């Protein structure tokens, strides 16, 4: 599974029903686009998102509970 995540370029989890947390993105080094729109329960992004060094687009509109972004 980690090889699949490593080659993943786009992930859309928008409008997911009551998500608790994001999947582990520590090996998602090829990820270019991540859509998390309208995740009402999303409070923070995990620090593992920092491993997505090719990330060009991060969509967070409608994430009204988001309080913390990793530095």
N, C-alpha and C. Protein backbone atom coordinates (compact mmCIF):
# COMPACT_ATOMS: atom_id res chain seq x y z
N UNK A 1 0.82 -1.19 0.00
CA UNK A 1 0.00 0.00 0.00
C UNK A 1 0.86 1.26 0.00
N UNK A 2 2.00 1.24 0.69
CA UNK A 2 2.82 2.45 0.76
C UNK A 2 3.36 2.84 -0.61
N UNK A 3 3.59 1.86 -1.50
CA UNK A 3 4.05 2.19 -2.85
C UNK A 3 2.94 2.92 -3.62
N UNK A 4 1.70 2.51 -3.41
CA UNK A 4 0.58 3.19 -4.06
C UNK A 4 0.46 4.63 -3.57
N UNK A 5 0.60 4.83 -2.28
CA UNK A 5 0.54 6.17 -1.70
C UNK A 5 1.69 7.02 -2.24
N UNK A 6 2.86 6.43 -2.35
CA UNK A 6 4.04 7.17 -2.83
C UNK A 6 3.82 7.69 -4.25
N UNK A 7 3.10 6.95 -5.09
CA UNK A 7 2.87 7.35 -6.48
C UNK A 7 1.60 8.17 -6.67
N UNK A 8 0.83 8.36 -5.62
CA UNK A 8 -0.42 9.10 -5.69
C UNK A 8 -0.15 10.56 -6.04
N UNK A 9 -0.87 11.07 -7.04
CA UNK A 9 -0.68 12.46 -7.46
C UNK A 9 -1.86 13.36 -7.07
N UNK A 10 -3.04 12.78 -6.98
CA UNK A 10 -4.23 13.57 -6.65
C UNK A 10 -5.11 12.79 -5.69
N UNK A 11 -5.60 13.47 -4.66
CA UNK A 11 -6.51 12.84 -3.71
C UNK A 11 -7.64 13.82 -3.42
N UNK A 12 -8.87 13.34 -3.58
CA UNK A 12 -10.03 14.16 -3.27
C UNK A 12 -10.85 13.46 -2.20
N UNK A 13 -10.92 14.09 -1.05
CA UNK A 13 -11.71 13.57 0.06
C UNK A 13 -12.78 14.59 0.44
N UNK A 14 -13.13 15.44 -0.50
CA UNK A 14 -14.13 16.47 -0.25
C UNK A 14 -15.49 15.86 0.06
N UNK A 15 -16.21 16.54 0.93
CA UNK A 15 -17.57 16.15 1.31
C UNK A 15 -17.64 14.75 1.93
N UNK A 16 -16.56 14.30 2.53
CA UNK A 16 -16.58 13.00 3.21
C UNK A 16 -17.47 13.12 4.44
N UNK A 17 -18.19 12.07 4.74
CA UNK A 17 -19.11 12.10 5.87
C UNK A 17 -18.37 11.85 7.18
N UNK A 18 -18.38 12.82 8.05
CA UNK A 18 -17.81 12.73 9.39
C UNK A 18 -16.43 12.08 9.44
N UNK A 19 -15.50 12.58 8.66
CA UNK A 19 -14.15 11.99 8.73
C UNK A 19 -13.51 12.31 10.07
N UNK A 20 -12.77 11.39 10.58
CA UNK A 20 -12.10 11.60 11.86
C UNK A 20 -10.71 12.18 11.66
N UNK A 21 -10.00 11.68 10.65
CA UNK A 21 -8.65 12.17 10.40
C UNK A 21 -8.23 11.82 8.98
N UNK A 22 -7.19 12.47 8.54
CA UNK A 22 -6.63 12.18 7.22
C UNK A 22 -5.84 10.88 7.27
N UNK A 23 -5.75 10.20 6.15
CA UNK A 23 -4.86 9.03 6.12
C UNK A 23 -3.41 9.49 6.28
N UNK A 24 -2.55 8.59 6.64
CA UNK A 24 -1.13 8.90 6.80
C UNK A 24 -0.55 9.28 5.44
N UNK A 25 -0.05 10.48 5.34
CA UNK A 25 0.51 10.98 4.08
C UNK A 25 2.03 11.03 4.11
N UNK A 26 2.64 10.34 5.05
CA UNK A 26 4.09 10.44 5.21
C UNK A 26 4.86 9.91 4.01
N UNK A 27 4.27 9.03 3.21
CA UNK A 27 4.96 8.52 2.02
C UNK A 27 4.39 9.09 0.72
N UNK A 28 3.50 10.07 0.82
CA UNK A 28 2.85 10.65 -0.37
C UNK A 28 3.71 11.74 -0.98
N UNK A 29 4.92 11.38 -1.34
CA UNK A 29 5.89 12.37 -1.83
C UNK A 29 5.58 12.88 -3.23
N UNK A 30 4.73 12.19 -3.99
CA UNK A 30 4.37 12.64 -5.34
C UNK A 30 3.05 13.40 -5.38
N UNK A 31 2.40 13.53 -4.24
CA UNK A 31 1.09 14.18 -4.20
C UNK A 31 1.19 15.63 -4.66
N UNK A 32 0.37 15.98 -5.65
CA UNK A 32 0.37 17.33 -6.21
C UNK A 32 -0.90 18.10 -5.86
N UNK A 33 -1.99 17.37 -5.63
CA UNK A 33 -3.27 18.03 -5.39
C UNK A 33 -4.04 17.28 -4.31
N UNK A 34 -4.49 18.02 -3.30
CA UNK A 34 -5.24 17.44 -2.20
C UNK A 34 -6.48 18.29 -1.95
N UNK A 35 -7.64 17.68 -2.11
CA UNK A 35 -8.91 18.38 -1.92
C UNK A 35 -9.60 17.84 -0.66
N UNK A 36 -9.84 18.74 0.28
CA UNK A 36 -10.48 18.38 1.54
C UNK A 36 -11.67 19.28 1.82
N UNK A 37 -12.29 19.78 0.79
CA UNK A 37 -13.36 20.76 0.94
C UNK A 37 -14.55 20.21 1.73
N UNK A 38 -15.10 21.07 2.57
CA UNK A 38 -16.31 20.80 3.35
C UNK A 38 -16.15 19.69 4.38
N UNK A 39 -14.96 19.53 4.92
CA UNK A 39 -14.75 18.61 6.04
C UNK A 39 -15.07 19.39 7.30
N UNK A 40 -16.27 19.32 7.76
CA UNK A 40 -16.70 20.13 8.90
C UNK A 40 -16.02 19.72 10.20
N UNK A 41 -15.59 18.47 10.31
CA UNK A 41 -14.98 17.99 11.55
C UNK A 41 -13.45 18.07 11.54
N UNK A 42 -12.86 18.53 10.45
CA UNK A 42 -11.40 18.62 10.37
C UNK A 42 -10.90 19.79 11.21
N UNK A 43 -10.09 19.50 12.22
CA UNK A 43 -9.60 20.52 13.14
C UNK A 43 -8.16 20.91 12.83
N UNK A 44 -7.35 19.94 12.41
CA UNK A 44 -5.97 20.23 12.07
C UNK A 44 -5.45 19.28 11.01
N UNK A 45 -4.44 19.73 10.30
CA UNK A 45 -3.78 18.89 9.31
C UNK A 45 -2.60 18.21 9.99
N UNK A 46 -2.36 16.94 9.69
CA UNK A 46 -1.23 16.25 10.32
C UNK A 46 0.10 16.77 9.78
N UNK A 47 1.12 16.68 10.58
CA UNK A 47 2.44 17.15 10.15
C UNK A 47 2.97 16.33 8.98
N UNK A 48 2.46 15.11 8.79
CA UNK A 48 2.92 14.26 7.68
C UNK A 48 2.62 14.88 6.32
N UNK A 49 1.73 15.87 6.28
CA UNK A 49 1.45 16.54 5.01
C UNK A 49 2.69 17.27 4.50
N UNK A 50 3.60 17.56 5.39
CA UNK A 50 4.85 18.20 5.00
C UNK A 50 5.73 17.34 4.11
N UNK A 51 5.48 16.04 4.09
CA UNK A 51 6.24 15.14 3.22
C UNK A 51 5.78 15.21 1.78
N UNK A 52 4.64 15.83 1.54
CA UNK A 52 4.12 15.99 0.18
C UNK A 52 4.81 17.20 -0.44
N UNK A 53 6.08 17.04 -0.74
CA UNK A 53 6.91 18.15 -1.19
C UNK A 53 6.55 18.65 -2.59
N UNK A 54 5.76 17.90 -3.33
CA UNK A 54 5.33 18.32 -4.66
C UNK A 54 3.92 18.90 -4.66
N UNK A 55 3.35 19.10 -3.47
CA UNK A 55 1.98 19.60 -3.36
C UNK A 55 1.88 21.00 -3.96
N UNK A 56 1.01 21.14 -4.95
CA UNK A 56 0.80 22.42 -5.62
C UNK A 56 -0.54 23.04 -5.27
N UNK A 57 -1.52 22.19 -4.95
CA UNK A 57 -2.87 22.69 -4.67
C UNK A 57 -3.43 21.99 -3.44
N UNK A 58 -3.85 22.78 -2.47
CA UNK A 58 -4.50 22.28 -1.27
C UNK A 58 -5.81 23.02 -1.12
N UNK A 59 -6.93 22.32 -1.28
CA UNK A 59 -8.25 22.94 -1.21
C UNK A 59 -8.88 22.66 0.15
N UNK A 60 -9.14 23.73 0.89
CA UNK A 60 -9.69 23.61 2.24
C UNK A 60 -10.97 24.41 2.44
N UNK A 61 -11.59 24.87 1.36
CA UNK A 61 -12.78 25.71 1.53
C UNK A 61 -13.89 24.91 2.21
N UNK A 62 -14.57 25.56 3.11
CA UNK A 62 -15.65 24.92 3.84
C UNK A 62 -15.20 24.12 5.05
N UNK A 63 -13.91 24.13 5.35
CA UNK A 63 -13.39 23.44 6.54
C UNK A 63 -13.46 24.42 7.70
N UNK A 64 -14.66 24.65 8.18
CA UNK A 64 -14.91 25.72 9.14
C UNK A 64 -14.36 25.45 10.54
N UNK A 65 -14.01 24.21 10.84
CA UNK A 65 -13.46 23.88 12.15
C UNK A 65 -11.94 23.83 12.16
N UNK A 66 -11.32 24.04 11.02
CA UNK A 66 -9.86 23.95 10.91
C UNK A 66 -9.21 25.06 11.73
N UNK A 67 -8.41 24.66 12.70
CA UNK A 67 -7.77 25.60 13.61
C UNK A 67 -6.26 25.65 13.45
N UNK A 68 -5.66 24.56 12.96
CA UNK A 68 -4.21 24.47 13.00
C UNK A 68 -3.65 23.88 11.71
N UNK A 69 -2.66 24.58 11.17
CA UNK A 69 -1.91 24.09 10.02
C UNK A 69 -0.49 23.77 10.50
N UNK A 70 0.10 22.69 10.00
CA UNK A 70 1.47 22.39 10.42
C UNK A 70 2.43 23.45 9.89
N UNK A 71 3.49 23.68 10.63
CA UNK A 71 4.47 24.68 10.20
C UNK A 71 5.53 24.05 9.33
